[in-house]
């Protein structure tokens, strides 16, 4: 996605954040492949650190959460660098309602915003 005169960086990042959330919920590894930088790293809720390949592998498994929602989304743009902070709510396969937080770091590379880092907590 490139920035156009009718679409701001903030709007682009809000849309990408929505894609990211929906891709988690639906196990959409194809979409993640498009929006993650090749050097992407993610700190998982269990404390493990995974690269893009490992993240795509774990995403392709059946999702362990459903009905995920992002709340209090804060998009901070610092030139070609952006940070998104948010709170989540979701249900476990057993129907238990839980919450978490995430911080995603985005960089504009060759005119496109790509996620370069993520940090996720769950079960709060």
N, C-alpha and C. Protein backbone atom coordinates (compact mmCIF):
# COMPACT_ATOMS: atom_id res chain seq x y z
N UNK A 1 0.85 -1.16 0.00
CA UNK A 1 0.00 0.00 0.00
C UNK A 1 0.90 1.23 0.00
N UNK A 2 0.66 2.13 -0.89
CA UNK A 2 1.44 3.36 -0.93
C UNK A 2 0.57 4.53 -0.50
N UNK A 3 1.22 5.55 0.02
CA UNK A 3 0.50 6.73 0.45
C UNK A 3 0.11 7.54 -0.77
N UNK A 4 -1.14 8.00 -0.81
CA UNK A 4 -1.62 8.83 -1.91
C UNK A 4 -2.07 10.17 -1.33
N UNK A 5 -2.44 11.08 -2.20
CA UNK A 5 -2.88 12.40 -1.75
C UNK A 5 -4.16 12.31 -0.93
N UNK A 6 -4.94 11.26 -1.09
CA UNK A 6 -6.20 11.14 -0.37
C UNK A 6 -6.09 10.25 0.87
N UNK A 7 -4.93 9.73 1.12
CA UNK A 7 -4.76 8.82 2.24
C UNK A 7 -3.52 9.20 3.03
N UNK A 8 -3.66 9.42 4.31
CA UNK A 8 -2.52 9.83 5.12
C UNK A 8 -1.79 8.63 5.69
N UNK A 9 -0.58 8.87 6.17
CA UNK A 9 0.17 7.81 6.84
C UNK A 9 -0.63 7.25 8.01
N UNK A 10 -1.28 8.11 8.76
CA UNK A 10 -2.08 7.65 9.90
C UNK A 10 -3.18 6.70 9.43
N UNK A 11 -3.87 7.06 8.37
CA UNK A 11 -4.92 6.18 7.83
C UNK A 11 -4.34 4.86 7.35
N UNK A 12 -3.20 4.91 6.68
CA UNK A 12 -2.54 3.69 6.22
C UNK A 12 -2.22 2.77 7.40
N UNK A 13 -1.66 3.35 8.45
CA UNK A 13 -1.26 2.55 9.61
C UNK A 13 -2.46 2.01 10.38
N UNK A 14 -3.53 2.78 10.46
CA UNK A 14 -4.76 2.28 11.10
C UNK A 14 -5.28 1.08 10.30
N UNK A 15 -5.28 1.18 8.98
CA UNK A 15 -5.74 0.07 8.13
C UNK A 15 -4.83 -1.14 8.27
N UNK A 16 -3.52 -0.92 8.30
CA UNK A 16 -2.58 -2.03 8.47
C UNK A 16 -2.74 -2.69 9.84
N UNK A 17 -2.99 -1.88 10.86
CA UNK A 17 -3.22 -2.43 12.19
C UNK A 17 -4.45 -3.35 12.17
N UNK A 18 -5.51 -2.91 11.50
CA UNK A 18 -6.72 -3.72 11.38
C UNK A 18 -6.40 -5.03 10.64
N UNK A 19 -5.63 -4.94 9.53
CA UNK A 19 -5.22 -6.14 8.80
C UNK A 19 -4.46 -7.09 9.71
N UNK A 20 -3.57 -6.55 10.53
CA UNK A 20 -2.74 -7.35 11.43
C UNK A 20 -3.64 -8.10 12.42
N UNK A 21 -4.58 -7.38 13.04
CA UNK A 21 -5.48 -7.99 14.02
C UNK A 21 -6.32 -9.10 13.36
N UNK A 22 -6.90 -8.81 12.21
CA UNK A 22 -7.72 -9.80 11.51
C UNK A 22 -6.88 -10.99 11.06
N UNK A 23 -5.63 -10.75 10.67
CA UNK A 23 -4.76 -11.84 10.24
C UNK A 23 -4.41 -12.75 11.41
N UNK A 24 -4.27 -12.20 12.61
CA UNK A 24 -4.06 -13.03 13.81
C UNK A 24 -5.28 -13.92 14.01
N UNK A 25 -6.45 -13.30 14.00
CA UNK A 25 -7.69 -14.04 14.29
C UNK A 25 -7.97 -15.14 13.27
N UNK A 26 -7.64 -14.89 12.01
CA UNK A 26 -7.98 -15.85 10.95
C UNK A 26 -6.79 -16.69 10.49
N UNK A 27 -5.63 -16.54 11.13
CA UNK A 27 -4.47 -17.32 10.74
C UNK A 27 -4.04 -17.04 9.30
N UNK A 28 -4.09 -15.78 8.90
CA UNK A 28 -3.82 -15.38 7.52
C UNK A 28 -2.32 -15.14 7.30
N UNK A 29 -1.58 -16.23 7.14
CA UNK A 29 -0.13 -16.13 6.93
C UNK A 29 0.19 -15.42 5.61
N UNK A 30 -0.68 -15.54 4.61
CA UNK A 30 -0.45 -14.88 3.32
C UNK A 30 -0.42 -13.36 3.50
N UNK A 31 -1.38 -12.81 4.24
CA UNK A 31 -1.40 -11.36 4.46
C UNK A 31 -0.20 -10.93 5.29
N UNK A 32 0.13 -11.72 6.31
CA UNK A 32 1.31 -11.38 7.10
C UNK A 32 2.57 -11.37 6.23
N UNK A 33 2.68 -12.31 5.30
CA UNK A 33 3.85 -12.33 4.42
C UNK A 33 4.00 -11.00 3.68
N UNK A 34 2.87 -10.39 3.34
CA UNK A 34 2.87 -9.12 2.61
C UNK A 34 3.24 -7.93 3.48
N UNK A 35 2.83 -7.92 4.75
CA UNK A 35 2.99 -6.71 5.57
C UNK A 35 4.13 -6.78 6.59
N UNK A 36 4.81 -7.92 6.68
CA UNK A 36 5.95 -8.04 7.58
C UNK A 36 7.25 -7.85 6.81
N UNK A 37 8.16 -7.09 7.37
CA UNK A 37 9.49 -6.93 6.78
C UNK A 37 10.24 -8.26 6.86
N UNK A 38 11.17 -8.46 5.96
CA UNK A 38 11.95 -9.70 5.97
C UNK A 38 12.71 -9.88 7.28
N UNK A 39 13.11 -8.77 7.93
CA UNK A 39 13.86 -8.85 9.18
C UNK A 39 12.96 -8.70 10.42
N UNK A 40 11.66 -8.95 10.26
CA UNK A 40 10.67 -8.87 11.34
C UNK A 40 11.04 -9.81 12.49
N UNK A 41 10.83 -9.33 13.72
CA UNK A 41 10.97 -10.15 14.92
C UNK A 41 9.76 -9.91 15.82
N UNK A 42 9.33 -10.98 16.49
CA UNK A 42 8.18 -10.88 17.40
C UNK A 42 8.52 -11.52 18.74
N UNK A 43 8.24 -10.78 19.81
CA UNK A 43 8.30 -11.33 21.17
C UNK A 43 6.91 -11.88 21.48
N UNK A 44 6.82 -13.19 21.58
CA UNK A 44 5.55 -13.86 21.83
C UNK A 44 5.13 -13.77 23.30
N UNK A 45 3.85 -14.02 23.58
CA UNK A 45 3.38 -13.99 24.98
C UNK A 45 4.12 -14.97 25.90
N UNK A 46 4.65 -16.07 25.33
CA UNK A 46 5.38 -17.04 26.16
C UNK A 46 6.84 -16.65 26.40
N UNK A 47 7.25 -15.50 25.85
CA UNK A 47 8.62 -15.03 26.04
C UNK A 47 9.57 -15.41 24.92
N UNK A 48 9.12 -16.23 23.97
CA UNK A 48 9.99 -16.62 22.86
C UNK A 48 10.11 -15.47 21.86
N UNK A 49 11.23 -15.44 21.16
CA UNK A 49 11.48 -14.46 20.11
C UNK A 49 11.53 -15.21 18.79
N UNK A 50 10.66 -14.82 17.84
CA UNK A 50 10.61 -15.53 16.55
C UNK A 50 10.85 -14.55 15.41
N UNK A 51 11.42 -15.08 14.33
CA UNK A 51 11.64 -14.28 13.13
C UNK A 51 10.43 -14.41 12.21
N UNK A 52 10.49 -13.80 11.05
CA UNK A 52 9.35 -13.80 10.13
C UNK A 52 8.94 -15.21 9.75
N UNK A 53 9.89 -16.06 9.38
CA UNK A 53 9.57 -17.43 8.98
C UNK A 53 8.84 -18.16 10.10
N UNK A 54 9.38 -18.08 11.32
CA UNK A 54 8.77 -18.76 12.45
C UNK A 54 7.39 -18.18 12.77
N UNK A 55 7.25 -16.86 12.66
CA UNK A 55 5.97 -16.21 12.90
C UNK A 55 4.92 -16.68 11.90
N UNK A 56 5.31 -16.78 10.62
CA UNK A 56 4.38 -17.25 9.60
C UNK A 56 3.98 -18.70 9.86
N UNK A 57 4.92 -19.53 10.31
CA UNK A 57 4.60 -20.92 10.65
C UNK A 57 3.60 -20.99 11.80
N UNK A 58 3.82 -20.19 12.85
CA UNK A 58 2.88 -20.25 13.99
C UNK A 58 1.53 -19.66 13.60
N UNK A 59 1.52 -18.67 12.71
CA UNK A 59 0.26 -18.07 12.26
C UNK A 59 -0.56 -19.05 11.43
N UNK A 60 0.11 -19.91 10.67
CA UNK A 60 -0.59 -20.87 9.80
C UNK A 60 -1.30 -21.97 10.60
N UNK A 61 -0.95 -22.14 11.87
CA UNK A 61 -1.65 -23.12 12.72
C UNK A 61 -3.05 -22.60 13.04
N UNK A 62 -3.96 -23.49 13.40
CA UNK A 62 -5.30 -23.01 13.78
C UNK A 62 -5.20 -21.98 14.92
N UNK A 63 -5.88 -20.85 14.78
CA UNK A 63 -5.80 -19.79 15.80
C UNK A 63 -6.25 -20.27 17.18
N UNK A 64 -5.52 -19.83 18.21
CA UNK A 64 -5.84 -20.21 19.58
C UNK A 64 -6.73 -19.17 20.25
N UNK A 65 -7.09 -18.13 19.51
CA UNK A 65 -7.96 -17.09 20.05
C UNK A 65 -9.01 -16.74 19.01
N UNK A 66 -10.11 -16.15 19.47
CA UNK A 66 -11.16 -15.72 18.54
C UNK A 66 -11.79 -14.43 19.06
N UNK A 67 -12.54 -13.79 18.20
CA UNK A 67 -13.24 -12.54 18.54
C UNK A 67 -12.27 -11.50 19.10
N UNK A 68 -11.10 -11.40 18.48
CA UNK A 68 -10.10 -10.43 18.95
C UNK A 68 -10.52 -9.01 18.56
N UNK A 69 -10.35 -8.11 19.48
CA UNK A 69 -10.68 -6.70 19.26
C UNK A 69 -9.52 -5.85 19.79
N UNK A 70 -9.23 -4.78 19.08
CA UNK A 70 -8.20 -3.83 19.51
C UNK A 70 -8.90 -2.63 20.14
N UNK A 71 -8.37 -2.15 21.26
CA UNK A 71 -8.93 -1.02 21.99
C UNK A 71 -7.83 0.00 22.29
N UNK A 72 -8.23 1.24 22.43
CA UNK A 72 -7.29 2.30 22.82
C UNK A 72 -6.05 2.31 21.93
N UNK A 73 -6.26 2.19 20.63
CA UNK A 73 -5.16 2.14 19.67
C UNK A 73 -4.51 3.52 19.58
N UNK A 74 -3.20 3.54 19.80
CA UNK A 74 -2.40 4.77 19.71
C UNK A 74 -1.39 4.60 18.59
N UNK A 75 -1.48 5.44 17.57
CA UNK A 75 -0.53 5.40 16.44
C UNK A 75 0.38 6.60 16.58
N UNK A 76 1.67 6.35 16.72
CA UNK A 76 2.67 7.41 16.84
C UNK A 76 3.58 7.34 15.61
N UNK A 77 3.57 8.41 14.81
CA UNK A 77 4.38 8.45 13.59
C UNK A 77 5.57 9.37 13.84
N UNK A 78 6.75 8.83 13.59
CA UNK A 78 8.00 9.56 13.80
C UNK A 78 8.80 9.51 12.49
N UNK A 79 8.34 10.26 11.49
CA UNK A 79 8.98 10.23 10.17
C UNK A 79 8.64 8.94 9.46
N UNK A 80 9.67 8.17 9.11
CA UNK A 80 9.48 6.89 8.42
C UNK A 80 9.40 5.73 9.40
N UNK A 81 9.10 6.03 10.63
CA UNK A 81 9.06 5.05 11.73
C UNK A 81 7.75 5.28 12.47
N UNK A 82 7.04 4.22 12.84
CA UNK A 82 5.78 4.36 13.58
C UNK A 82 5.67 3.27 14.63
N UNK A 83 5.02 3.61 15.72
CA UNK A 83 4.78 2.66 16.81
C UNK A 83 3.27 2.64 17.07
N UNK A 84 2.72 1.44 17.15
CA UNK A 84 1.30 1.29 17.48
C UNK A 84 1.20 0.53 18.80
N UNK A 85 0.54 1.15 19.77
CA UNK A 85 0.26 0.53 21.07
C UNK A 85 -1.23 0.29 21.15
N UNK A 86 -1.65 -0.83 21.71
CA UNK A 86 -3.08 -1.08 21.87
C UNK A 86 -3.31 -2.16 22.93
N UNK A 87 -4.54 -2.19 23.39
CA UNK A 87 -5.03 -3.22 24.30
C UNK A 87 -5.92 -4.14 23.47
N UNK A 88 -5.95 -5.42 23.80
CA UNK A 88 -6.81 -6.36 23.09
C UNK A 88 -7.77 -7.04 24.05
N UNK A 89 -8.88 -7.49 23.49
CA UNK A 89 -9.76 -8.41 24.19
C UNK A 89 -10.03 -9.55 23.21
N UNK A 90 -10.21 -10.76 23.73
CA UNK A 90 -10.40 -11.92 22.88
C UNK A 90 -10.97 -13.06 23.71
N UNK A 91 -11.39 -14.11 23.02
CA UNK A 91 -11.90 -15.31 23.68
C UNK A 91 -10.98 -16.48 23.38
N UNK A 92 -10.84 -17.34 24.37
CA UNK A 92 -10.10 -18.59 24.19
C UNK A 92 -11.03 -19.58 23.48
N UNK A 93 -10.50 -20.71 23.00
CA UNK A 93 -11.37 -21.72 22.39
C UNK A 93 -12.47 -22.20 23.37
N UNK A 94 -12.20 -22.14 24.68
CA UNK A 94 -13.18 -22.55 25.68
C UNK A 94 -14.21 -21.45 25.97
N UNK A 95 -14.04 -20.28 25.35
CA UNK A 95 -14.98 -19.19 25.53
C UNK A 95 -14.64 -18.22 26.64
N UNK A 96 -13.48 -18.40 27.29
CA UNK A 96 -13.06 -17.49 28.35
C UNK A 96 -12.66 -16.14 27.74
N UNK A 97 -13.15 -15.05 28.32
CA UNK A 97 -12.82 -13.71 27.85
C UNK A 97 -11.52 -13.25 28.53
N UNK A 98 -10.50 -12.90 27.73
CA UNK A 98 -9.22 -12.44 28.26
C UNK A 98 -8.83 -11.15 27.55
N UNK A 99 -7.72 -10.58 28.00
CA UNK A 99 -7.21 -9.37 27.37
C UNK A 99 -5.69 -9.43 27.31
N UNK A 100 -5.13 -8.48 26.59
CA UNK A 100 -3.68 -8.40 26.44
C UNK A 100 -3.30 -7.03 25.93
N UNK A 101 -2.04 -6.91 25.55
CA UNK A 101 -1.52 -5.66 24.96
C UNK A 101 -0.56 -6.04 23.85
N UNK A 102 -0.37 -5.10 22.94
CA UNK A 102 0.67 -5.28 21.93
C UNK A 102 1.29 -3.95 21.57
N UNK A 103 2.52 -4.03 21.12
CA UNK A 103 3.24 -2.90 20.55
C UNK A 103 3.83 -3.38 19.24
N UNK A 104 3.46 -2.72 18.15
CA UNK A 104 4.00 -3.04 16.84
C UNK A 104 4.81 -1.86 16.34
N UNK A 105 5.94 -2.16 15.73
CA UNK A 105 6.82 -1.13 15.18
C UNK A 105 6.81 -1.28 13.66
N UNK A 106 6.58 -0.17 12.99
CA UNK A 106 6.48 -0.13 11.53
C UNK A 106 7.54 0.82 10.97
N UNK A 107 8.06 0.49 9.80
CA UNK A 107 8.99 1.37 9.08
C UNK A 107 8.52 1.51 7.64
N UNK A 108 8.69 2.72 7.12
CA UNK A 108 8.38 2.92 5.71
C UNK A 108 9.64 2.55 4.94
N UNK A 109 9.49 1.56 4.07
CA UNK A 109 10.59 1.10 3.23
C UNK A 109 10.13 1.09 1.79
N UNK A 110 10.86 1.77 0.93
CA UNK A 110 10.50 1.86 -0.49
C UNK A 110 9.05 2.30 -0.67
N UNK A 111 8.61 3.26 0.16
CA UNK A 111 7.28 3.82 0.03
C UNK A 111 6.16 3.02 0.67
N UNK A 112 6.48 1.90 1.32
CA UNK A 112 5.46 1.03 1.96
C UNK A 112 5.74 0.91 3.44
N UNK A 113 4.69 0.90 4.24
CA UNK A 113 4.83 0.61 5.67
C UNK A 113 4.90 -0.89 5.86
N UNK A 114 5.94 -1.35 6.58
CA UNK A 114 6.11 -2.77 6.89
C UNK A 114 6.33 -2.92 8.40
N UNK A 115 5.76 -3.96 8.99
CA UNK A 115 5.99 -4.24 10.40
C UNK A 115 7.38 -4.83 10.55
N UNK A 116 8.17 -4.26 11.45
CA UNK A 116 9.53 -4.75 11.67
C UNK A 116 9.66 -5.43 13.04
N UNK A 117 8.70 -5.17 13.93
CA UNK A 117 8.80 -5.73 15.27
C UNK A 117 7.42 -5.76 15.93
N UNK A 118 7.22 -6.76 16.79
CA UNK A 118 5.98 -6.86 17.56
C UNK A 118 6.31 -7.42 18.93
N UNK A 119 5.56 -6.96 19.92
CA UNK A 119 5.67 -7.48 21.28
C UNK A 119 4.24 -7.70 21.77
N UNK A 120 3.92 -8.93 22.19
CA UNK A 120 2.55 -9.30 22.52
C UNK A 120 2.48 -9.90 23.92
N UNK A 121 1.47 -9.44 24.68
CA UNK A 121 1.15 -10.08 25.96
C UNK A 121 -0.30 -10.55 25.89
N UNK A 122 -0.59 -11.65 26.56
CA UNK A 122 -1.95 -12.19 26.59
C UNK A 122 -2.25 -12.74 27.96
N UNK A 123 -3.54 -12.92 28.20
CA UNK A 123 -3.98 -13.59 29.42
C UNK A 123 -4.05 -12.67 30.62
N UNK A 124 -4.15 -11.38 30.39
CA UNK A 124 -4.20 -10.42 31.49
C UNK A 124 -5.60 -10.37 32.10
